[in-house]
């Protein structure tokens, strides 16, 4: 699956699902919290308009195994004291997808 296929489901997506999809595309492990926080910094620094989004941890699953892993990721994220340790709404325009894909893990 790709970011475009995620956009096909809904034009606005939450940052957690965008992060997971980006990690799948780049063959990264999405459960690394510090990389997610850097990703959110990247979105802000590239002037991507995002808004905080209340995401219910228990309802954020999907396929069973991935849903279980995603729930664990969100529970760990909720323990971090940072403005970036949240879910945000992102509009998946072509421009934003390009900026999202420009993110690299150090």
PDB file of N, CA and C in Angstrom:
ATOM      1  N   UNK A   1       0.840  -1.171   0.000  1.00  0.00           N
ATOM      2  CA  UNK A   1       0.000   0.000   0.000  1.00  0.00           C
ATOM      3  C   UNK A   1       0.890   1.242   0.000  1.00  0.00           C
ATOM      4  N   UNK A   2       0.360   2.356  -0.501  1.00  0.00           N
ATOM      5  CA  UNK A   2       1.121   3.586  -0.596  1.00  0.00           C
ATOM      6  C   UNK A   2       0.349   4.739   0.035  1.00  0.00           C
ATOM      7  N   UNK A   3       1.007   5.885   0.135  1.00  0.00           N
ATOM      8  CA  UNK A   3       0.331   7.079   0.640  1.00  0.00           C
ATOM      9  C   UNK A   3      -0.833   7.472  -0.272  1.00  0.00           C
ATOM     10  N   UNK A   4      -0.683   7.258  -1.571  1.00  0.00           N
ATOM     11  CA  UNK A   4      -1.780   7.561  -2.498  1.00  0.00           C
ATOM     12  C   UNK A   4      -2.988   6.664  -2.246  1.00  0.00           C
ATOM     13  N   UNK A   5      -2.735   5.403  -1.947  1.00  0.00           N
ATOM     14  CA  UNK A   5      -3.863   4.503  -1.667  1.00  0.00           C
ATOM     15  C   UNK A   5      -4.530   4.875  -0.344  1.00  0.00           C
ATOM     16  N   UNK A   6      -3.751   5.375   0.603  1.00  0.00           N
ATOM     17  CA  UNK A   6      -4.321   5.868   1.851  1.00  0.00           C
ATOM     18  C   UNK A   6      -5.202   7.082   1.562  1.00  0.00           C
ATOM     19  N   UNK A   7      -4.732   7.974   0.692  1.00  0.00           N
ATOM     20  CA  UNK A   7      -5.502   9.155   0.302  1.00  0.00           C
ATOM     21  C   UNK A   7      -6.796   8.745  -0.401  1.00  0.00           C
ATOM     22  N   UNK A   8      -6.750   7.672  -1.180  1.00  0.00           N
ATOM     23  CA  UNK A   8      -7.948   7.214  -1.879  1.00  0.00           C
ATOM     24  C   UNK A   8      -9.054   6.811  -0.898  1.00  0.00           C
ATOM     25  N   UNK A   9      -8.680   6.375   0.286  1.00  0.00           N
ATOM     26  CA  UNK A   9      -9.662   6.008   1.310  1.00  0.00           C
ATOM     27  C   UNK A   9     -10.298   7.245   1.924  1.00  0.00           C
ATOM     28  N   UNK A  10      -9.479   8.281   2.160  1.00  0.00           N
ATOM     29  CA  UNK A  10      -9.960   9.554   2.704  1.00  0.00           C
ATOM     30  C   UNK A  10      -8.881  10.603   2.460  1.00  0.00           C
ATOM     31  N   UNK A  11      -9.307  11.779   2.013  1.00  0.00           N
ATOM     32  CA  UNK A  11      -8.365  12.846   1.681  1.00  0.00           C
ATOM     33  C   UNK A  11      -7.640  13.365   2.921  1.00  0.00           C
ATOM     34  N   UNK A  12      -8.310  13.358   4.053  1.00  0.00           N
ATOM     35  CA  UNK A  12      -7.695  13.746   5.320  1.00  0.00           C
ATOM     36  C   UNK A  12      -7.431  12.474   6.111  1.00  0.00           C
ATOM     37  N   UNK A  13      -6.196  12.344   6.607  1.00  0.00           N
ATOM     38  CA  UNK A  13      -5.812  11.161   7.372  1.00  0.00           C
ATOM     39  C   UNK A  13      -5.148  11.589   8.671  1.00  0.00           C
ATOM     40  N   UNK A  14      -5.129  10.682   9.637  1.00  0.00           N
ATOM     41  CA  UNK A  14      -4.419  11.004  10.875  1.00  0.00           C
ATOM     42  C   UNK A  14      -2.934  10.701  10.692  1.00  0.00           C
ATOM     43  N   UNK A  15      -2.124  11.427  11.433  1.00  0.00           N
ATOM     44  CA  UNK A  15      -0.662  11.335  11.286  1.00  0.00           C
ATOM     45  C   UNK A  15      -0.116   9.958  11.640  1.00  0.00           C
ATOM     46  N   UNK A  16      -0.802   9.228  12.497  1.00  0.00           N
ATOM     47  CA  UNK A  16      -0.336   7.883  12.864  1.00  0.00           C
ATOM     48  C   UNK A  16      -0.407   6.963  11.652  1.00  0.00           C
ATOM     49  N   UNK A  17      -1.539   6.982  10.959  1.00  0.00           N
ATOM     50  CA  UNK A  17      -1.683   6.128   9.772  1.00  0.00           C
ATOM     51  C   UNK A  17      -0.749   6.567   8.649  1.00  0.00           C
ATOM     52  N   UNK A  18      -0.553   7.877   8.520  1.00  0.00           N
ATOM     53  CA  UNK A  18       0.390   8.380   7.508  1.00  0.00           C
ATOM     54  C   UNK A  18       1.803   7.918   7.850  1.00  0.00           C
ATOM     55  N   UNK A  19       2.172   8.009   9.116  1.00  0.00           N
ATOM     56  CA  UNK A  19       3.492   7.572   9.570  1.00  0.00           C
ATOM     57  C   UNK A  19       3.689   6.074   9.290  1.00  0.00           C
ATOM     58  N   UNK A  20       2.709   5.274   9.624  1.00  0.00           N
ATOM     59  CA  UNK A  20       2.808   3.831   9.404  1.00  0.00           C
ATOM     60  C   UNK A  20       2.961   3.536   7.911  1.00  0.00           C
ATOM     61  N   UNK A  21       2.185   4.212   7.082  1.00  0.00           N
ATOM     62  CA  UNK A  21       2.258   3.987   5.637  1.00  0.00           C
ATOM     63  C   UNK A  21       3.610   4.430   5.084  1.00  0.00           C
ATOM     64  N   UNK A  22       4.121   5.572   5.544  1.00  0.00           N
ATOM     65  CA  UNK A  22       5.442   6.027   5.108  1.00  0.00           C
ATOM     66  C   UNK A  22       6.499   4.994   5.498  1.00  0.00           C
ATOM     67  N   UNK A  23       6.405   4.477   6.707  1.00  0.00           N
ATOM     68  CA  UNK A  23       7.357   3.463   7.163  1.00  0.00           C
ATOM     69  C   UNK A  23       7.266   2.200   6.324  1.00  0.00           C
ATOM     70  N   UNK A  24       6.069   1.809   5.941  1.00  0.00           N
ATOM     71  CA  UNK A  24       5.926   0.636   5.077  1.00  0.00           C
ATOM     72  C   UNK A  24       6.592   0.885   3.729  1.00  0.00           C
ATOM     73  N   UNK A  25       6.379   2.082   3.172  1.00  0.00           N
ATOM     74  CA  UNK A  25       6.984   2.420   1.885  1.00  0.00           C
ATOM     75  C   UNK A  25       8.511   2.383   1.961  1.00  0.00           C
ATOM     76  N   UNK A  26       9.055   2.883   3.068  1.00  0.00           N
ATOM     77  CA  UNK A  26      10.506   3.006   3.196  1.00  0.00           C
ATOM     78  C   UNK A  26      11.138   1.823   3.923  1.00  0.00           C
ATOM     79  N   UNK A  27      10.317   0.842   4.301  1.00  0.00           N
ATOM     80  CA  UNK A  27      10.803  -0.360   4.999  1.00  0.00           C
ATOM     81  C   UNK A  27      11.445  -0.025   6.346  1.00  0.00           C
ATOM     82  N   UNK A  28      10.818   0.902   7.065  1.00  0.00           N
ATOM     83  CA  UNK A  28      11.250   1.282   8.409  1.00  0.00           C
ATOM     84  C   UNK A  28      10.310   0.655   9.429  1.00  0.00           C
ATOM     85  N   UNK A  29      10.785   0.550  10.656  1.00  0.00           N
ATOM     86  CA  UNK A  29       9.961   0.100  11.763  1.00  0.00           C
ATOM     87  C   UNK A  29       9.211   1.315  12.310  1.00  0.00           C
ATOM     88  N   UNK A  30       7.895   1.275  12.297  1.00  0.00           N
ATOM     89  CA  UNK A  30       7.119   2.448  12.701  1.00  0.00           C
ATOM     90  C   UNK A  30       7.013   2.622  14.211  1.00  0.00           C
ATOM     91  N   UNK A  31       7.357   1.631  14.999  1.00  0.00           N
ATOM     92  CA  UNK A  31       7.134   1.695  16.443  1.00  0.00           C
ATOM     93  C   UNK A  31       8.167   2.530  17.208  1.00  0.00           C
ATOM     94  N   UNK A  32       9.157   3.068  16.527  1.00  0.00           N
ATOM     95  CA  UNK A  32      10.181   3.888  17.184  1.00  0.00           C
ATOM     96  C   UNK A  32       9.619   5.293  17.430  1.00  0.00           C
ATOM     97  N   UNK A  33       9.286   5.577  18.676  1.00  0.00           N
ATOM     98  CA  UNK A  33       8.627   6.832  19.054  1.00  0.00           C
ATOM     99  C   UNK A  33       9.458   8.057  18.672  1.00  0.00           C
ATOM    100  N   UNK A  34      10.772   8.017  18.922  1.00  0.00           N
ATOM    101  CA  UNK A  34      11.596   9.204  18.638  1.00  0.00           C
ATOM    102  C   UNK A  34      11.559   9.556  17.155  1.00  0.00           C
ATOM    103  N   UNK A  35      11.432   8.566  16.287  1.00  0.00           N
ATOM    104  CA  UNK A  35      11.347   8.848  14.848  1.00  0.00           C
ATOM    105  C   UNK A  35      10.001   9.462  14.481  1.00  0.00           C
ATOM    106  N   UNK A  36       8.945   9.025  15.146  1.00  0.00           N
ATOM    107  CA  UNK A  36       7.632   9.643  14.917  1.00  0.00           C
ATOM    108  C   UNK A  36       7.673  11.117  15.328  1.00  0.00           C
ATOM    109  N   UNK A  37       8.281  11.413  16.473  1.00  0.00           N
ATOM    110  CA  UNK A  37       8.378  12.804  16.933  1.00  0.00           C
ATOM    111  C   UNK A  37       9.174  13.653  15.941  1.00  0.00           C
ATOM    112  N   UNK A  38      10.235  13.098  15.383  1.00  0.00           N
ATOM    113  CA  UNK A  38      11.009  13.797  14.351  1.00  0.00           C
ATOM    114  C   UNK A  38      10.173  13.998  13.090  1.00  0.00           C
ATOM    115  N   UNK A  39       9.351  13.018  12.767  1.00  0.00           N
ATOM    116  CA  UNK A  39       8.467  13.122  11.612  1.00  0.00           C
ATOM    117  C   UNK A  39       7.490  14.288  11.787  1.00  0.00           C
ATOM    118  N   UNK A  40       6.916  14.421  12.962  1.00  0.00           N
ATOM    119  CA  UNK A  40       5.999  15.532  13.230  1.00  0.00           C
ATOM    120  C   UNK A  40       6.745  16.863  13.134  1.00  0.00           C
ATOM    121  N   UNK A  41       7.971  16.932  13.666  1.00  0.00           N
ATOM    122  CA  UNK A  41       8.799  18.135  13.494  1.00  0.00           C
ATOM    123  C   UNK A  41       8.987  18.445  12.013  1.00  0.00           C
ATOM    124  N   UNK A  42       9.230  17.417  11.226  1.00  0.00           N
ATOM    125  CA  UNK A  42       9.415  17.561   9.778  1.00  0.00           C
ATOM    126  C   UNK A  42       8.163  18.166   9.132  1.00  0.00           C
ATOM    127  N   UNK A  43       6.996  17.698   9.535  1.00  0.00           N
ATOM    128  CA  UNK A  43       5.759  18.240   8.986  1.00  0.00           C
ATOM    129  C   UNK A  43       5.621  19.725   9.305  1.00  0.00           C
ATOM    130  N   UNK A  44       5.879  20.082  10.562  1.00  0.00           N
ATOM    131  CA  UNK A  44       5.798  21.490  10.953  1.00  0.00           C
ATOM    132  C   UNK A  44       6.831  22.337  10.196  1.00  0.00           C
ATOM    133  N   UNK A  45       8.055  21.847  10.094  1.00  0.00           N
ATOM    134  CA  UNK A  45       9.116  22.631   9.448  1.00  0.00           C
ATOM    135  C   UNK A  45       8.923  22.769   7.944  1.00  0.00           C
ATOM    136  N   UNK A  46       8.085  21.900   7.359  1.00  0.00           N
ATOM    137  CA  UNK A  46       7.794  21.989   5.931  1.00  0.00           C
ATOM    138  C   UNK A  46       6.442  22.656   5.666  1.00  0.00           C
ATOM    139  N   UNK A  47       5.957  23.359   6.670  1.00  0.00           N
ATOM    140  CA  UNK A  47       4.720  24.152   6.559  1.00  0.00           C
ATOM    141  C   UNK A  47       3.506  23.338   6.114  1.00  0.00           C
ATOM    142  N   UNK A  48       3.464  22.089   6.532  1.00  0.00           N
ATOM    143  CA  UNK A  48       2.276  21.281   6.283  1.00  0.00           C
ATOM    144  C   UNK A  48       1.284  21.611   7.398  1.00  0.00           C
ATOM    145  N   UNK A  49       0.113  22.059   7.001  1.00  0.00           N
ATOM    146  CA  UNK A  49      -0.897  22.421   7.992  1.00  0.00           C
ATOM    147  C   UNK A  49      -1.487  21.156   8.597  1.00  0.00           C
ATOM    148  N   UNK A  50      -1.280  21.024   9.884  1.00  0.00           N
ATOM    149  CA  UNK A  50      -1.816  19.876  10.607  1.00  0.00           C
ATOM    150  C   UNK A  50      -2.521  20.387  11.848  1.00  0.00           C
ATOM    151  N   UNK A  51      -3.525  19.646  12.270  1.00  0.00           N
ATOM    152  CA  UNK A  51      -4.259  19.999  13.483  1.00  0.00           C
ATOM    153  C   UNK A  51      -4.346  18.792  14.388  1.00  0.00           C
ATOM    154  N   UNK A  52      -4.237  19.069  15.682  1.00  0.00           N
ATOM    155  CA  UNK A  52      -4.333  17.994  16.667  1.00  0.00           C
ATOM    156  C   UNK A  52      -5.660  17.257  16.482  1.00  0.00           C
ATOM    157  N   UNK A  53      -5.589  15.947  16.621  1.00  0.00           N
ATOM    158  CA  UNK A  53      -6.730  15.085  16.336  1.00  0.00           C
ATOM    159  C   UNK A  53      -6.884  14.098  17.485  1.00  0.00           C
ATOM    160  N   UNK A  54      -8.034  14.077  18.154  1.00  0.00           N
ATOM    161  CA  UNK A  54      -8.219  13.102  19.237  1.00  0.00           C
ATOM    162  C   UNK A  54      -8.401  11.704  18.657  1.00  0.00           C
ATOM    163  N   UNK A  55      -7.467  10.839  18.929  1.00  0.00           N
ATOM    164  CA  UNK A  55      -7.511   9.474  18.406  1.00  0.00           C
ATOM    165  C   UNK A  55      -7.678   8.519  19.572  1.00  0.00           C
ATOM    166  N   UNK A  56      -8.737   7.769  19.564  1.00  0.00           N
ATOM    167  CA  UNK A  56      -9.006   6.798  20.619  1.00  0.00           C
ATOM    168  C   UNK A  56      -8.093   5.588  20.417  1.00  0.00           C
ATOM    169  N   UNK A  57      -7.281   5.297  21.399  1.00  0.00           N
ATOM    170  CA  UNK A  57      -6.316   4.198  21.294  1.00  0.00           C
ATOM    171  C   UNK A  57      -7.015   2.875  21.033  1.00  0.00           C
ATOM    172  N   UNK A  58      -8.080   2.601  21.714  1.00  0.00           N
ATOM    173  CA  UNK A  58      -8.744   1.298  21.610  1.00  0.00           C
ATOM    174  C   UNK A  58      -9.451   1.107  20.273  1.00  0.00           C
ATOM    175  N   UNK A  59      -9.767   2.180  19.556  1.00  0.00           N
ATOM    176  CA  UNK A  59     -10.475   2.069  18.290  1.00  0.00           C
ATOM    177  C   UNK A  59      -9.570   2.286  17.092  1.00  0.00           C
ATOM    178  N   UNK A  60      -8.275   2.351  17.297  1.00  0.00           N
ATOM    179  CA  UNK A  60      -7.360   2.714  16.217  1.00  0.00           C
ATOM    180  C   UNK A  60      -6.794   1.516  15.471  1.00  0.00           C
ATOM    181  N   UNK A  61      -7.168   0.322  15.890  1.00  0.00           N
ATOM    182  CA  UNK A  61      -6.631  -0.880  15.259  1.00  0.00           C
ATOM    183  C   UNK A  61      -7.085  -1.034  13.826  1.00  0.00           C
ATOM    184  N   UNK A  62      -6.926  -2.155  13.300  1.00  0.00           N
ATOM    185  CA  UNK A  62      -7.317  -2.449  11.941  1.00  0.00           C
ATOM    186  C   UNK A  62      -7.237  -3.949  11.824  1.00  0.00           C
ATOM    187  N   UNK A  63      -6.338  -4.406  10.989  1.00  0.00           N
ATOM    188  CA  UNK A  63      -6.084  -5.839  10.943  1.00  0.00           C
ATOM    189  C   UNK A  63      -5.570  -6.239  12.325  1.00  0.00           C
ATOM    190  N   UNK A  64      -5.871  -7.427  12.783  1.00  0.00           N
ATOM    191  CA  UNK A  64      -5.621  -7.794  14.175  1.00  0.00           C
ATOM    192  C   UNK A  64      -4.178  -7.577  14.622  1.00  0.00           C
ATOM    193  N   UNK A  65      -3.198  -8.205  13.971  1.00  0.00           N
ATOM    194  CA  UNK A  65      -1.810  -8.072  14.434  1.00  0.00           C
ATOM    195  C   UNK A  65      -1.343  -6.634  14.367  1.00  0.00           C
ATOM    196  N   UNK A  66      -1.569  -5.995  13.225  1.00  0.00           N
ATOM    197  CA  UNK A  66      -1.147  -4.614  13.086  1.00  0.00           C
ATOM    198  C   UNK A  66      -1.897  -3.733  14.067  1.00  0.00           C
ATOM    199  N   UNK A  67      -3.189  -4.012  14.269  1.00  0.00           N
ATOM    200  CA  UNK A  67      -3.977  -3.234  15.214  1.00  0.00           C
ATOM    201  C   UNK A  67      -3.429  -3.340  16.620  1.00  0.00           C
ATOM    202  N   UNK A  68      -3.006  -4.532  16.992  1.00  0.00           N
ATOM    203  CA  UNK A  68      -2.413  -4.752  18.310  1.00  0.00           C
ATOM    204  C   UNK A  68      -1.101  -3.981  18.436  1.00  0.00           C
ATOM    205  N   UNK A  69      -0.260  -4.030  17.397  1.00  0.00           N
ATOM    206  CA  UNK A  69       1.008  -3.305  17.408  1.00  0.00           C
ATOM    207  C   UNK A  69       0.763  -1.796  17.426  1.00  0.00           C
ATOM    208  N   UNK A  70      -0.212  -1.354  16.652  1.00  0.00           N
ATOM    209  CA  UNK A  70      -0.541   0.068  16.587  1.00  0.00           C
ATOM    210  C   UNK A  70      -1.042   0.558  17.944  1.00  0.00           C
ATOM    211  N   UNK A  71      -1.846  -0.245  18.609  1.00  0.00           N
ATOM    212  CA  UNK A  71      -2.340   0.112  19.935  1.00  0.00           C
ATOM    213  C   UNK A  71      -1.180   0.254  20.912  1.00  0.00           C
ATOM    214  N   UNK A  72      -0.219  -0.649  20.866  1.00  0.00           N
ATOM    215  CA  UNK A  72       0.959  -0.560  21.740  1.00  0.00           C
ATOM    216  C   UNK A  72       1.754   0.708  21.438  1.00  0.00           C
ATOM    217  N   UNK A  73       1.908   1.025  20.147  1.00  0.00           N
ATOM    218  CA  UNK A  73       2.608   2.244  19.751  1.00  0.00           C
ATOM    219  C   UNK A  73       1.903   3.470  20.325  1.00  0.00           C
ATOM    220  N   UNK A  74       0.584   3.531  20.191  1.00  0.00           N
ATOM    221  CA  UNK A  74      -0.174   4.677  20.690  1.00  0.00           C
ATOM    222  C   UNK A  74      -0.131   4.777  22.209  1.00  0.00           C
ATOM    223  N   UNK A  75      -0.158   3.650  22.888  1.00  0.00           N
ATOM    224  CA  UNK A  75      -0.054   3.673  24.347  1.00  0.00           C
ATOM    225  C   UNK A  75       1.309   4.216  24.778  1.00  0.00           C
ATOM    226  N   UNK A  76       2.382   3.806  24.097  1.00  0.00           N
ATOM    227  CA  UNK A  76       3.719   4.333  24.407  1.00  0.00           C
ATOM    228  C   UNK A  76       3.810   5.814  24.074  1.00  0.00           C
ATOM    229  N   UNK A  77       3.221   6.216  22.969  1.00  0.00           N
ATOM    230  CA  UNK A  77       3.225   7.624  22.566  1.00  0.00           C
ATOM    231  C   UNK A  77       2.491   8.484  23.585  1.00  0.00           C
ATOM    232  N   UNK A  78       1.414   7.967  24.147  1.00  0.00           N
ATOM    233  CA  UNK A  78       0.620   8.738  25.110  1.00  0.00           C
ATOM    234  C   UNK A  78       1.387   9.019  26.402  1.00  0.00           C
ATOM    235  N   UNK A  79       2.455   8.295  26.664  1.00  0.00           N
ATOM    236  CA  UNK A  79       3.260   8.491  27.873  1.00  0.00           C
ATOM    237  C   UNK A  79       4.311   9.577  27.709  1.00  0.00           C
ATOM    238  N   UNK A  80       4.511  10.059  26.481  1.00  0.00           N
ATOM    239  CA  UNK A  80       5.533  11.069  26.188  1.00  0.00           C
ATOM    240  C   UNK A  80       4.968  12.460  26.450  1.00  0.00           C
ATOM    241  N   UNK A  81       5.745  13.284  27.137  1.00  0.00           N
ATOM    242  CA  UNK A  81       5.343  14.665  27.404  1.00  0.00           C
ATOM    243  C   UNK A  81       5.938  15.578  26.340  1.00  0.00           C
ATOM    244  N   UNK A  82       5.227  15.710  25.229  1.00  0.00           N
ATOM    245  CA  UNK A  82       5.671  16.560  24.130  1.00  0.00           C
ATOM    246  C   UNK A  82       4.450  16.979  23.324  1.00  0.00           C
ATOM    247  N   UNK A  83       4.476  18.202  22.797  1.00  0.00           N
ATOM    248  CA  UNK A  83       3.381  18.657  21.945  1.00  0.00           C
ATOM    249  C   UNK A  83       3.275  17.799  20.689  1.00  0.00           C
ATOM    250  N   UNK A  84       4.384  17.216  20.257  1.00  0.00           N
ATOM    251  CA  UNK A  84       4.391  16.403  19.041  1.00  0.00           C
ATOM    252  C   UNK A  84       3.918  14.969  19.281  1.00  0.00           C
ATOM    253  N   UNK A  85       3.754  14.595  20.528  1.00  0.00           N
ATOM    254  CA  UNK A  85       3.351  13.219  20.854  1.00  0.00           C
ATOM    255  C   UNK A  85       1.829  13.111  20.822  1.00  0.00           C
ATOM    256  N   UNK A  86       1.283  13.434  19.678  1.00  0.00           N
ATOM    257  CA  UNK A  86      -0.162  13.409  19.474  1.00  0.00           C
ATOM    258  C   UNK A  86      -0.447  12.889  18.081  1.00  0.00           C
ATOM    259  N   UNK A  87      -1.716  12.714  17.817  1.00  0.00           N
ATOM    260  CA  UNK A  87      -2.152  12.446  16.450  1.00  0.00           C
ATOM    261  C   UNK A  87      -2.638  13.766  15.870  1.00  0.00           C
ATOM    262  N   UNK A  88      -2.411  13.930  14.582  1.00  0.00           N
ATOM    263  CA  UNK A  88      -2.802  15.145  13.886  1.00  0.00           C
ATOM    264  C   UNK A  88      -3.545  14.769  12.614  1.00  0.00           C
ATOM    265  N   UNK A  89      -4.348  15.678  12.117  1.00  0.00           N
ATOM    266  CA  UNK A  89      -5.015  15.495  10.834  1.00  0.00           C
ATOM    267  C   UNK A  89      -4.143  16.110   9.753  1.00  0.00           C
ATOM    268  N   UNK A  90      -3.947  15.359   8.663  1.00  0.00           N
ATOM    269  CA  UNK A  90      -3.116  15.804   7.543  1.00  0.00           C
ATOM    270  C   UNK A  90      -3.927  15.686   6.257  1.00  0.00           C
ATOM    271  N   UNK A  91      -3.897  16.736   5.451  1.00  0.00           N
ATOM    272  CA  UNK A  91      -4.535  16.709   4.134  1.00  0.00           C
ATOM    273  C   UNK A  91      -3.517  16.129   3.148  1.00  0.00           C
ATOM    274  N   UNK A  92      -3.856  15.029   2.515  1.00  0.00           N
ATOM    275  CA  UNK A  92      -2.907  14.334   1.642  1.00  0.00           C
ATOM    276  C   UNK A  92      -2.966  14.849   0.197  1.00  0.00           C
ATOM    277  N   UNK A  93      -2.515  16.089   0.024  1.00  0.00           N
ATOM    278  CA  UNK A  93      -2.374  16.637  -1.321  1.00  0.00           C
ATOM    279  C   UNK A  93      -1.099  16.077  -1.940  1.00  0.00           C
ATOM    280  N   UNK A  94      -0.948  16.228  -3.250  1.00  0.00           N
ATOM    281  CA  UNK A  94       0.291  15.788  -3.920  1.00  0.00           C
ATOM    282  C   UNK A  94       1.504  16.475  -3.297  1.00  0.00           C
ATOM    283  N   UNK A  95       1.379  17.770  -3.052  1.00  0.00           N
ATOM    284  CA  UNK A  95       2.479  18.532  -2.457  1.00  0.00           C
ATOM    285  C   UNK A  95       2.835  18.008  -1.066  1.00  0.00           C
ATOM    286  N   UNK A  96       1.822  17.765  -0.249  1.00  0.00           N
ATOM    287  CA  UNK A  96       2.082  17.257   1.099  1.00  0.00           C
ATOM    288  C   UNK A  96       2.671  15.851   1.069  1.00  0.00           C
ATOM    289  N   UNK A  97       2.194  15.010   0.170  1.00  0.00           N
ATOM    290  CA  UNK A  97       2.760  13.661   0.052  1.00  0.00           C
ATOM    291  C   UNK A  97       4.235  13.741  -0.324  1.00  0.00           C
ATOM    292  N   UNK A  98       4.571  14.649  -1.222  1.00  0.00           N
ATOM    293  CA  UNK A  98       5.970  14.831  -1.604  1.00  0.00           C
ATOM    294  C   UNK A  98       6.820  15.278  -0.406  1.00  0.00           C
ATOM    295  N   UNK A  99       6.307  16.196   0.370  1.00  0.00           N
ATOM    296  CA  UNK A  99       7.025  16.674   1.564  1.00  0.00           C
ATOM    297  C   UNK A  99       7.135  15.560   2.606  1.00  0.00           C
ATOM    298  N   UNK A 100       6.094  14.784   2.751  1.00  0.00           N
ATOM    299  CA  UNK A 100       6.104  13.665   3.700  1.00  0.00           C
ATOM    300  C   UNK A 100       7.189  12.671   3.298  1.00  0.00           C
ATOM    301  N   UNK A 101       7.247  12.354   2.027  1.00  0.00           N
ATOM    302  CA  UNK A 101       8.236  11.387   1.549  1.00  0.00           C
ATOM    303  C   UNK A 101       9.679  11.905   1.626  1.00  0.00           C
ATOM    304  N   UNK A 102       9.851  13.198   1.753  1.00  0.00           N
ATOM    305  CA  UNK A 102      11.210  13.740   1.860  1.00  0.00           C
ATOM    306  C   UNK A 102      11.805  13.523   3.255  1.00  0.00           C
ATOM    307  N   UNK A 103      10.992  13.078   4.207  1.00  0.00           N
ATOM    308  CA  UNK A 103      11.482  12.799   5.553  1.00  0.00           C
ATOM    309  C   UNK A 103      12.438  11.617   5.529  1.00  0.00           C
ATOM    310  N   UNK A 104      13.553  11.778   6.207  1.00  0.00           N
ATOM    311  CA  UNK A 104      14.538  10.700   6.342  1.00  0.00           C
ATOM    312  C   UNK A 104      14.906  10.525   7.805  1.00  0.00           C
ATOM    313  N   UNK A 105      15.115   9.294   8.191  1.00  0.00           N
ATOM    314  CA  UNK A 105      15.566   8.998   9.559  1.00  0.00           C
ATOM    315  C   UNK A 105      17.081   9.178   9.581  1.00  0.00           C
ATOM    316  N   UNK A 106      17.545   9.883  10.612  1.00  0.00           N
ATOM    317  CA  UNK A 106      18.996  10.127  10.738  1.00  0.00           C
ATOM    318  C   UNK A 106      19.743   8.852  11.007  1.00  0.00           C
TER     319      UNK A 106
END
